[in-house]
Amino acid sequence: MKQKIGIIYSSVDGQTKKICEHLVDLLTVDHLKPELYSIEAFNGNLLNFDTIIIGASIRYGKHNPLVYKFITDEKDKLKDIRTAFFSVNLVARKDNKNAPDTNPYLIKFIKEIDWQPNILDVFAGKLDYKAYSLFDRIMIKLIMRMTHGPTKSDGPIEFTDWNRVKNFSEKIL
């Protein structure tokens, strides 16, 4: 019996969506074709899936409020199926903050939401100053300065470790 996988994402600048699209490629094996949805577009029944993967990015220290609402509203159904959750944030670029038990944003989120997915991970995101609004650019540079990250760049800096994403997909399979 083939499992049916749904992937639901919340992405601000597109890196979480890119990770989810890569997961679709990695999980498309042996006639398995995961279904990909933005959190805003998903209107299906979670119980139609054997596994649900939720990916959510961080902006200014928080996940999108829709992620909190979705998980809170669907918590009973999520308990009845296999679940995976991953957070995407720039803090995860640091070796001492790139695991589910060391990433402060993921730890705080799981405590606040009072939900424990079967599989949990965190991935570093992408930094692209030229793509941000002036306000976001200033704020993110300030945060990067405080966390000893890059404050100047000629182009996007992708911190995502694609081998970790592959390992995450293997846990799901």
N, C-alpha and C. Protein backbone atom coordinates (compact mmCIF):
# COMPACT_ATOMS: atom_id res chain seq x y z
N MET A 1 0.84 -1.19 0.00
CA MET A 1 0.00 0.00 0.00
C MET A 1 0.88 1.25 0.00
N LYS A 2 0.62 2.15 -0.92
CA LYS A 2 1.39 3.38 -1.02
C LYS A 2 0.82 4.41 -0.05
N GLN A 3 1.73 5.15 0.58
CA GLN A 3 1.26 6.18 1.48
C GLN A 3 0.99 7.47 0.70
N LYS A 4 0.02 8.21 1.19
CA LYS A 4 -0.32 9.49 0.57
C LYS A 4 0.26 10.59 1.46
N ILE A 5 1.09 11.45 0.84
CA ILE A 5 1.79 12.49 1.59
C ILE A 5 1.30 13.87 1.13
N GLY A 6 0.99 14.71 2.11
CA GLY A 6 0.66 16.10 1.85
C GLY A 6 1.74 16.99 2.44
N ILE A 7 2.16 17.99 1.69
CA ILE A 7 3.16 18.95 2.16
C ILE A 7 2.50 20.32 2.16
N ILE A 8 2.49 20.95 3.31
CA ILE A 8 1.87 22.26 3.49
C ILE A 8 2.95 23.22 3.96
N TYR A 9 3.05 24.37 3.30
CA TYR A 9 4.13 25.29 3.65
C TYR A 9 3.63 26.71 3.85
N SER A 10 4.41 27.44 4.65
CA SER A 10 4.25 28.87 4.83
C SER A 10 5.62 29.48 4.55
N SER A 11 5.70 30.31 3.51
CA SER A 11 6.98 30.85 3.08
C SER A 11 6.87 32.35 2.86
N VAL A 12 7.80 33.11 3.43
CA VAL A 12 7.79 34.57 3.25
C VAL A 12 8.55 34.96 1.99
N ASP A 13 9.78 34.48 1.87
CA ASP A 13 10.64 34.88 0.75
C ASP A 13 10.89 33.77 -0.25
N GLY A 14 10.25 32.62 -0.07
CA GLY A 14 10.32 31.56 -1.06
C GLY A 14 11.24 30.40 -0.74
N GLN A 15 12.10 30.51 0.27
CA GLN A 15 13.03 29.41 0.56
C GLN A 15 12.31 28.19 1.13
N THR A 16 11.33 28.40 1.97
CA THR A 16 10.58 27.26 2.51
C THR A 16 9.84 26.55 1.39
N LYS A 17 9.26 27.32 0.48
CA LYS A 17 8.59 26.71 -0.67
C LYS A 17 9.60 25.93 -1.51
N LYS A 18 10.80 26.49 -1.71
CA LYS A 18 11.84 25.80 -2.48
C LYS A 18 12.22 24.48 -1.81
N ILE A 19 12.34 24.49 -0.48
CA ILE A 19 12.65 23.27 0.26
C ILE A 19 11.52 22.25 0.07
N CYS A 20 10.28 22.71 0.15
CA CYS A 20 9.14 21.80 -0.03
C CYS A 20 9.09 21.24 -1.45
N GLU A 21 9.40 22.04 -2.43
CA GLU A 21 9.44 21.54 -3.82
C GLU A 21 10.54 20.49 -3.97
N HIS A 22 11.66 20.69 -3.29
CA HIS A 22 12.73 19.70 -3.31
C HIS A 22 12.27 18.41 -2.61
N LEU A 23 11.53 18.56 -1.52
CA LEU A 23 10.98 17.38 -0.84
C LEU A 23 10.05 16.60 -1.76
N VAL A 24 9.24 17.31 -2.53
CA VAL A 24 8.37 16.63 -3.50
C VAL A 24 9.22 15.79 -4.45
N ASP A 25 10.31 16.36 -4.96
CA ASP A 25 11.20 15.61 -5.85
C ASP A 25 11.80 14.40 -5.14
N LEU A 26 12.26 14.59 -3.92
CA LEU A 26 12.89 13.50 -3.17
C LEU A 26 11.90 12.40 -2.79
N LEU A 27 10.66 12.79 -2.54
CA LEU A 27 9.65 11.83 -2.08
C LEU A 27 8.85 11.22 -3.22
N THR A 28 9.09 11.67 -4.43
CA THR A 28 8.41 11.10 -5.59
C THR A 28 9.19 9.86 -6.02
N VAL A 29 8.85 8.75 -5.40
CA VAL A 29 9.51 7.48 -5.67
C VAL A 29 8.46 6.38 -5.71
N ASP A 30 8.73 5.36 -6.52
CA ASP A 30 7.87 4.18 -6.53
C ASP A 30 6.39 4.56 -6.62
N HIS A 31 6.07 5.42 -7.57
CA HIS A 31 4.70 5.87 -7.85
C HIS A 31 4.10 6.71 -6.72
N LEU A 32 4.91 7.21 -5.83
CA LEU A 32 4.46 8.09 -4.77
C LEU A 32 4.62 9.52 -5.25
N LYS A 33 3.55 10.31 -5.22
CA LYS A 33 3.60 11.70 -5.66
C LYS A 33 2.99 12.59 -4.58
N PRO A 34 3.83 13.18 -3.74
CA PRO A 34 3.31 14.06 -2.69
C PRO A 34 2.55 15.24 -3.27
N GLU A 35 1.59 15.72 -2.52
CA GLU A 35 0.80 16.88 -2.93
C GLU A 35 1.29 18.10 -2.15
N LEU A 36 1.54 19.20 -2.86
CA LEU A 36 2.11 20.41 -2.27
C LEU A 36 1.06 21.52 -2.22
N TYR A 37 0.94 22.16 -1.06
CA TYR A 37 -0.04 23.24 -0.87
C TYR A 37 0.59 24.37 -0.06
N SER A 38 0.26 25.60 -0.41
CA SER A 38 0.58 26.69 0.51
C SER A 38 -0.45 26.61 1.63
N ILE A 39 -0.11 27.11 2.79
CA ILE A 39 -1.03 27.03 3.93
C ILE A 39 -2.31 27.82 3.64
N GLU A 40 -2.17 28.87 2.84
CA GLU A 40 -3.35 29.67 2.48
C GLU A 40 -4.30 28.91 1.54
N ALA A 41 -3.74 28.04 0.71
CA ALA A 41 -4.55 27.35 -0.30
C ALA A 41 -5.10 26.00 0.14
N PHE A 42 -4.55 25.42 1.21
CA PHE A 42 -5.00 24.09 1.62
C PHE A 42 -6.42 24.16 2.18
N ASN A 43 -7.30 23.35 1.61
CA ASN A 43 -8.66 23.27 2.12
C ASN A 43 -9.17 21.83 2.13
N GLY A 44 -8.22 20.91 2.14
CA GLY A 44 -8.59 19.50 2.12
C GLY A 44 -8.76 18.93 3.51
N ASN A 45 -9.01 17.64 3.56
CA ASN A 45 -9.15 16.91 4.81
C ASN A 45 -7.83 16.21 5.12
N LEU A 46 -7.22 16.54 6.23
CA LEU A 46 -5.94 15.93 6.59
C LEU A 46 -6.01 14.42 6.68
N LEU A 47 -7.18 13.90 7.02
CA LEU A 47 -7.32 12.45 7.18
C LEU A 47 -7.30 11.71 5.84
N ASN A 48 -7.26 12.45 4.74
CA ASN A 48 -7.08 11.83 3.43
C ASN A 48 -5.61 11.50 3.16
N PHE A 49 -4.74 11.89 4.09
CA PHE A 49 -3.31 11.65 3.95
C PHE A 49 -2.82 10.71 5.03
N ASP A 50 -1.78 9.95 4.69
CA ASP A 50 -1.12 9.11 5.68
C ASP A 50 -0.07 9.90 6.45
N THR A 51 0.54 10.86 5.75
CA THR A 51 1.58 11.69 6.33
C THR A 51 1.36 13.14 5.90
N ILE A 52 1.49 14.04 6.85
CA ILE A 52 1.45 15.48 6.56
C ILE A 52 2.77 16.08 7.00
N ILE A 53 3.38 16.84 6.10
CA ILE A 53 4.60 17.58 6.39
C ILE A 53 4.23 19.06 6.39
N ILE A 54 4.62 19.77 7.43
CA ILE A 54 4.38 21.20 7.49
C ILE A 54 5.74 21.89 7.58
N GLY A 55 5.98 22.82 6.66
CA GLY A 55 7.20 23.61 6.66
C GLY A 55 6.85 25.07 6.86
N ALA A 56 7.55 25.75 7.75
CA ALA A 56 7.22 27.14 8.05
C ALA A 56 8.48 27.96 8.28
N SER A 57 8.48 29.13 7.68
CA SER A 57 9.62 30.03 7.85
C SER A 57 9.40 30.97 9.02
N ILE A 58 10.50 31.54 9.44
CA ILE A 58 10.51 32.52 10.54
C ILE A 58 10.74 33.90 9.95
N ARG A 59 10.01 34.86 10.44
CA ARG A 59 10.32 36.26 10.14
C ARG A 59 10.19 37.03 11.45
N TYR A 60 11.24 37.72 11.81
CA TYR A 60 11.30 38.48 13.07
C TYR A 60 10.96 37.62 14.28
N GLY A 61 11.48 36.40 14.28
CA GLY A 61 11.37 35.54 15.44
C GLY A 61 10.08 34.76 15.57
N LYS A 62 9.19 34.85 14.59
CA LYS A 62 7.90 34.16 14.70
C LYS A 62 7.55 33.45 13.39
N HIS A 63 6.82 32.36 13.54
CA HIS A 63 6.22 31.72 12.38
C HIS A 63 4.95 32.49 12.01
N ASN A 64 4.51 32.32 10.81
CA ASN A 64 3.28 32.95 10.33
C ASN A 64 2.11 32.56 11.26
N PRO A 65 1.29 33.53 11.67
CA PRO A 65 0.14 33.20 12.54
C PRO A 65 -0.78 32.13 11.94
N LEU A 66 -0.82 32.02 10.61
CA LEU A 66 -1.64 30.98 9.97
C LEU A 66 -1.15 29.58 10.33
N VAL A 67 0.14 29.44 10.58
CA VAL A 67 0.69 28.13 10.96
C VAL A 67 0.16 27.75 12.34
N TYR A 68 0.21 28.70 13.26
CA TYR A 68 -0.34 28.44 14.60
C TYR A 68 -1.82 28.06 14.51
N LYS A 69 -2.57 28.86 13.76
CA LYS A 69 -4.02 28.62 13.63
C LYS A 69 -4.29 27.26 12.99
N PHE A 70 -3.57 26.94 11.92
CA PHE A 70 -3.78 25.68 11.22
C PHE A 70 -3.55 24.50 12.16
N ILE A 71 -2.42 24.51 12.86
CA ILE A 71 -2.10 23.38 13.74
C ILE A 71 -3.08 23.31 14.90
N THR A 72 -3.42 24.45 15.47
CA THR A 72 -4.38 24.47 16.57
C THR A 72 -5.74 23.94 16.12
N ASP A 73 -6.21 24.40 14.96
CA ASP A 73 -7.51 23.97 14.44
C ASP A 73 -7.53 22.50 14.06
N GLU A 74 -6.42 21.98 13.61
CA GLU A 74 -6.36 20.61 13.08
C GLU A 74 -5.67 19.61 14.02
N LYS A 75 -5.41 20.03 15.24
CA LYS A 75 -4.62 19.21 16.16
C LYS A 75 -5.19 17.81 16.35
N ASP A 76 -6.50 17.67 16.45
CA ASP A 76 -7.10 16.34 16.63
C ASP A 76 -6.82 15.43 15.44
N LYS A 77 -6.91 15.97 14.24
CA LYS A 77 -6.62 15.18 13.04
C LYS A 77 -5.13 14.87 12.94
N LEU A 78 -4.30 15.85 13.29
CA LEU A 78 -2.85 15.64 13.22
C LEU A 78 -2.40 14.51 14.15
N LYS A 79 -3.13 14.30 15.25
CA LYS A 79 -2.78 13.22 16.18
C LYS A 79 -3.07 11.84 15.57
N ASP A 80 -3.96 11.80 14.58
CA ASP A 80 -4.37 10.53 14.00
C ASP A 80 -3.55 10.10 12.79
N ILE A 81 -2.63 10.95 12.35
CA ILE A 81 -1.80 10.61 11.20
C ILE A 81 -0.33 10.88 11.53
N ARG A 82 0.53 10.39 10.68
CA ARG A 82 1.97 10.64 10.83
C ARG A 82 2.26 12.07 10.41
N THR A 83 3.05 12.78 11.21
CA THR A 83 3.32 14.18 10.92
C THR A 83 4.81 14.49 10.99
N ALA A 84 5.18 15.49 10.21
CA ALA A 84 6.54 16.02 10.24
C ALA A 84 6.42 17.54 10.18
N PHE A 85 7.33 18.20 10.88
CA PHE A 85 7.35 19.66 10.87
C PHE A 85 8.79 20.11 10.76
N PHE A 86 9.00 21.14 9.95
CA PHE A 86 10.32 21.77 9.94
C PHE A 86 10.17 23.28 9.89
N SER A 87 11.11 23.93 10.54
CA SER A 87 11.18 25.38 10.58
C SER A 87 12.37 25.82 9.73
N VAL A 88 12.22 26.96 9.07
CA VAL A 88 13.31 27.51 8.27
C VAL A 88 13.64 28.87 8.84
N ASN A 89 14.88 29.03 9.29
CA ASN A 89 15.29 30.31 9.84
C ASN A 89 16.80 30.49 9.70
N LEU A 90 17.22 31.75 9.72
CA LEU A 90 18.63 32.07 9.53
C LEU A 90 19.49 31.74 10.74
N VAL A 91 18.89 31.66 11.91
CA VAL A 91 19.64 31.27 13.10
C VAL A 91 20.19 29.85 12.94
N ALA A 92 19.48 29.02 12.19
CA ALA A 92 19.90 27.64 11.98
C ALA A 92 21.17 27.52 11.14
N ARG A 93 21.69 28.65 10.66
CA ARG A 93 22.97 28.62 9.95
C ARG A 93 24.13 28.33 10.90
N LYS A 94 23.90 28.51 12.20
CA LYS A 94 24.93 28.30 13.21
C LYS A 94 24.91 26.84 13.68
N ASP A 95 26.09 26.27 13.81
CA ASP A 95 26.20 24.86 14.20
C ASP A 95 25.53 24.56 15.52
N ASN A 96 25.54 25.50 16.44
CA ASN A 96 24.97 25.23 17.76
C ASN A 96 23.47 25.56 17.84
N LYS A 97 22.86 25.90 16.69
CA LYS A 97 21.43 26.21 16.68
C LYS A 97 20.72 25.60 15.48
N ASN A 98 21.29 24.53 14.95
CA ASN A 98 20.73 23.95 13.73
C ASN A 98 20.09 22.58 13.93
N ALA A 99 19.69 22.30 15.15
CA ALA A 99 19.02 21.02 15.45
C ALA A 99 17.71 21.32 16.18
N PRO A 100 16.75 20.41 16.09
CA PRO A 100 15.46 20.65 16.75
C PRO A 100 15.58 20.95 18.24
N ASP A 101 16.57 20.37 18.91
CA ASP A 101 16.69 20.60 20.35
C ASP A 101 17.62 21.76 20.71
N THR A 102 18.16 22.46 19.69
CA THR A 102 19.02 23.62 19.96
C THR A 102 18.54 24.90 19.29
N ASN A 103 17.58 24.81 18.40
CA ASN A 103 17.10 26.00 17.71
C ASN A 103 16.05 26.71 18.56
N PRO A 104 16.33 27.92 19.02
CA PRO A 104 15.41 28.58 19.95
C PRO A 104 14.02 28.84 19.38
N TYR A 105 13.94 29.14 18.09
CA TYR A 105 12.63 29.41 17.49
C TYR A 105 11.77 28.15 17.42
N LEU A 106 12.40 27.04 17.07
CA LEU A 106 11.66 25.79 16.99
C LEU A 106 11.24 25.30 18.38
N ILE A 107 12.15 25.40 19.34
CA ILE A 107 11.83 24.99 20.71
C ILE A 107 10.64 25.80 21.24
N LYS A 108 10.69 27.11 21.06
CA LYS A 108 9.61 27.98 21.53
C LYS A 108 8.29 27.66 20.82
N PHE A 109 8.35 27.44 19.52
CA PHE A 109 7.14 27.13 18.75
C PHE A 109 6.47 25.85 19.25
N ILE A 110 7.25 24.80 19.41
CA ILE A 110 6.69 23.51 19.84
C ILE A 110 6.08 23.63 21.23
N LYS A 111 6.72 24.38 22.12
CA LYS A 111 6.14 24.59 23.45
C LYS A 111 4.83 25.37 23.37
N GLU A 112 4.82 26.43 22.58
CA GLU A 112 3.63 27.27 22.47
C GLU A 112 2.46 26.52 21.84
N ILE A 113 2.73 25.73 20.84
CA ILE A 113 1.66 25.08 20.08
C ILE A 113 1.18 23.80 20.77
N ASP A 114 2.00 23.26 21.69
CA ASP A 114 1.65 22.04 22.42
C ASP A 114 1.27 20.91 21.46
N TRP A 115 2.19 20.65 20.55
CA TRP A 115 2.00 19.60 19.54
C TRP A 115 3.36 18.96 19.31
N GLN A 116 3.39 17.66 19.19
CA GLN A 116 4.65 16.96 18.95
C GLN A 116 4.55 16.13 17.69
N PRO A 117 5.10 16.65 16.58
CA PRO A 117 5.09 15.85 15.35
C PRO A 117 6.00 14.63 15.48
N ASN A 118 5.78 13.64 14.64
CA ASN A 118 6.60 12.43 14.67
C ASN A 118 8.04 12.71 14.25
N ILE A 119 8.20 13.61 13.29
CA ILE A 119 9.52 13.97 12.77
C ILE A 119 9.65 15.48 12.84
N LEU A 120 10.77 15.93 13.35
CA LEU A 120 10.97 17.37 13.57
C LEU A 120 12.36 17.75 13.10
N ASP A 121 12.46 18.90 12.40
CA ASP A 121 13.78 19.36 11.98
C ASP A 121 13.76 20.86 11.77
N VAL A 122 14.93 21.39 11.53
CA VAL A 122 15.11 22.82 11.28
C VAL A 122 16.17 22.97 10.21
N PHE A 123 15.93 23.90 9.27
CA PHE A 123 16.88 24.16 8.19
C PHE A 123 17.19 25.64 8.14
N ALA A 124 18.42 25.92 7.79
CA ALA A 124 18.81 27.31 7.59
C ALA A 124 18.19 27.81 6.28
N GLY A 125 17.89 29.08 6.25
CA GLY A 125 17.23 29.66 5.08
C GLY A 125 18.19 30.33 4.13
N LYS A 126 17.68 31.35 3.47
CA LYS A 126 18.45 32.11 2.49
C LYS A 126 18.39 33.58 2.88
N LEU A 127 19.49 34.27 2.65
CA LEU A 127 19.60 35.69 2.92
C LEU A 127 19.76 36.41 1.59
N ASP A 128 18.84 37.32 1.28
CA ASP A 128 18.88 38.02 0.00
C ASP A 128 18.49 39.48 0.21
N TYR A 129 19.46 40.28 0.61
CA TYR A 129 19.19 41.67 0.95
C TYR A 129 18.51 42.44 -0.18
N LYS A 130 18.90 42.16 -1.42
CA LYS A 130 18.35 42.92 -2.56
C LYS A 130 16.86 42.64 -2.77
N ALA A 131 16.37 41.52 -2.28
CA ALA A 131 14.96 41.17 -2.47
C ALA A 131 14.05 41.77 -1.40
N TYR A 132 14.64 42.30 -0.32
CA TYR A 132 13.84 42.80 0.80
C TYR A 132 13.45 44.26 0.60
N SER A 133 12.35 44.63 1.22
CA SER A 133 11.98 46.04 1.27
C SER A 133 13.03 46.78 2.09
N LEU A 134 13.05 48.09 2.00
CA LEU A 134 14.03 48.88 2.75
C LEU A 134 13.92 48.59 4.25
N PHE A 135 12.71 48.57 4.78
CA PHE A 135 12.52 48.30 6.20
C PHE A 135 13.07 46.93 6.57
N ASP A 136 12.68 45.89 5.81
CA ASP A 136 13.15 44.54 6.10
C ASP A 136 14.67 44.45 5.99
N ARG A 137 15.25 45.10 4.99
CA ARG A 137 16.69 45.08 4.81
C ARG A 137 17.40 45.65 6.05
N ILE A 138 16.91 46.79 6.53
CA ILE A 138 17.51 47.42 7.71
C ILE A 138 17.36 46.52 8.93
N MET A 139 16.17 45.99 9.13
CA MET A 139 15.92 45.14 10.31
C MET A 139 16.75 43.86 10.26
N ILE A 140 16.80 43.24 9.10
CA ILE A 140 17.53 41.97 8.99
C ILE A 140 19.03 42.22 9.13
N LYS A 141 19.53 43.32 8.59
CA LYS A 141 20.95 43.66 8.79
C LYS A 141 21.26 43.89 10.27
N LEU A 142 20.35 44.53 10.97
CA LEU A 142 20.53 44.74 12.40
C LEU A 142 20.58 43.40 13.14
N ILE A 143 19.65 42.52 12.81
CA ILE A 143 19.63 41.19 13.42
C ILE A 143 20.91 40.42 13.08
N MET A 144 21.35 40.50 11.83
CA MET A 144 22.58 39.81 11.42
C MET A 144 23.78 40.38 12.16
N ARG A 145 23.83 41.68 12.35
CA ARG A 145 24.95 42.28 13.09
C ARG A 145 24.96 41.74 14.52
N MET A 146 23.78 41.68 15.13
CA MET A 146 23.68 41.22 16.52
C MET A 146 24.05 39.74 16.65
N THR A 147 23.80 38.96 15.60
CA THR A 147 24.06 37.51 15.65
C THR A 147 25.33 37.13 14.90
N HIS A 148 26.15 38.13 14.58
CA HIS A 148 27.44 37.92 13.91
C HIS A 148 27.29 37.25 12.54
N GLY A 149 26.25 37.65 11.82
CA GLY A 149 26.03 37.14 10.48
C GLY A 149 26.46 38.16 9.43
N PRO A 150 26.36 37.80 8.17
CA PRO A 150 26.76 38.72 7.10
C PRO A 150 25.79 39.90 6.98
N THR A 151 26.35 41.09 6.89
CA THR A 151 25.52 42.29 6.74
C THR A 151 25.65 42.89 5.35
N LYS A 152 26.54 42.35 4.54
CA LYS A 152 26.71 42.81 3.15
C LYS A 152 26.81 41.59 2.26
N SER A 153 26.26 41.74 1.07
CA SER A 153 26.31 40.63 0.12
C SER A 153 26.01 41.16 -1.27
N ASP A 154 26.77 40.67 -2.26
CA ASP A 154 26.51 41.06 -3.64
C ASP A 154 25.33 40.29 -4.22
N GLY A 155 24.99 39.19 -3.61
CA GLY A 155 23.88 38.37 -4.09
C GLY A 155 23.32 37.53 -2.96
N PRO A 156 22.35 36.71 -3.27
CA PRO A 156 21.75 35.85 -2.23
C PRO A 156 22.78 34.89 -1.63
N ILE A 157 22.62 34.64 -0.35
CA ILE A 157 23.44 33.64 0.35
C ILE A 157 22.50 32.54 0.81
N GLU A 158 22.67 31.38 0.25
CA GLU A 158 21.81 30.26 0.62
C GLU A 158 22.53 29.42 1.67
N PHE A 159 21.92 29.36 2.85
CA PHE A 159 22.50 28.60 3.96
C PHE A 159 21.90 27.19 4.07
N THR A 160 20.86 26.89 3.30
CA THR A 160 20.19 25.59 3.41
C THR A 160 21.15 24.46 3.11
N ASP A 161 21.19 23.49 4.00
CA ASP A 161 22.00 22.30 3.83
C ASP A 161 21.10 21.25 3.16
N TRP A 162 21.29 21.08 1.87
CA TRP A 162 20.40 20.20 1.10
C TRP A 162 20.58 18.73 1.46
N ASN A 163 21.73 18.37 2.00
CA ASN A 163 21.91 16.99 2.49
C ASN A 163 21.02 16.73 3.70
N ARG A 164 20.86 17.74 4.54
CA ARG A 164 19.94 17.59 5.69
C ARG A 164 18.50 17.44 5.22
N VAL A 165 18.14 18.18 4.18
CA VAL A 165 16.80 18.06 3.62
C VAL A 165 16.60 16.65 3.09
N LYS A 166 17.61 16.12 2.43
CA LYS A 166 17.55 14.75 1.91
C LYS A 166 17.40 13.75 3.07
N ASN A 167 18.17 13.93 4.14
CA ASN A 167 18.05 13.04 5.31
C ASN A 167 16.64 13.11 5.92
N PHE A 168 16.07 14.32 5.96
CA PHE A 168 14.70 14.51 6.45
C PHE A 168 13.73 13.70 5.59
N SER A 169 13.88 13.77 4.27
CA SER A 169 12.99 13.02 3.37
C SER A 169 13.13 11.52 3.59
N GLU A 170 14.35 11.06 3.86
CA GLU A 170 14.56 9.63 4.09
C GLU A 170 13.87 9.16 5.38
N LYS A 171 13.82 10.04 6.39
CA LYS A 171 13.09 9.70 7.62
C LYS A 171 11.60 9.54 7.32
N ILE A 172 11.10 10.35 6.42
CA ILE A 172 9.69 10.28 6.06
C ILE A 172 9.38 9.01 5.29
N LEU A 173 10.27 8.65 4.38
CA LEU A 173 10.07 7.41 3.61
C LEU A 173 10.24 6.19 4.49
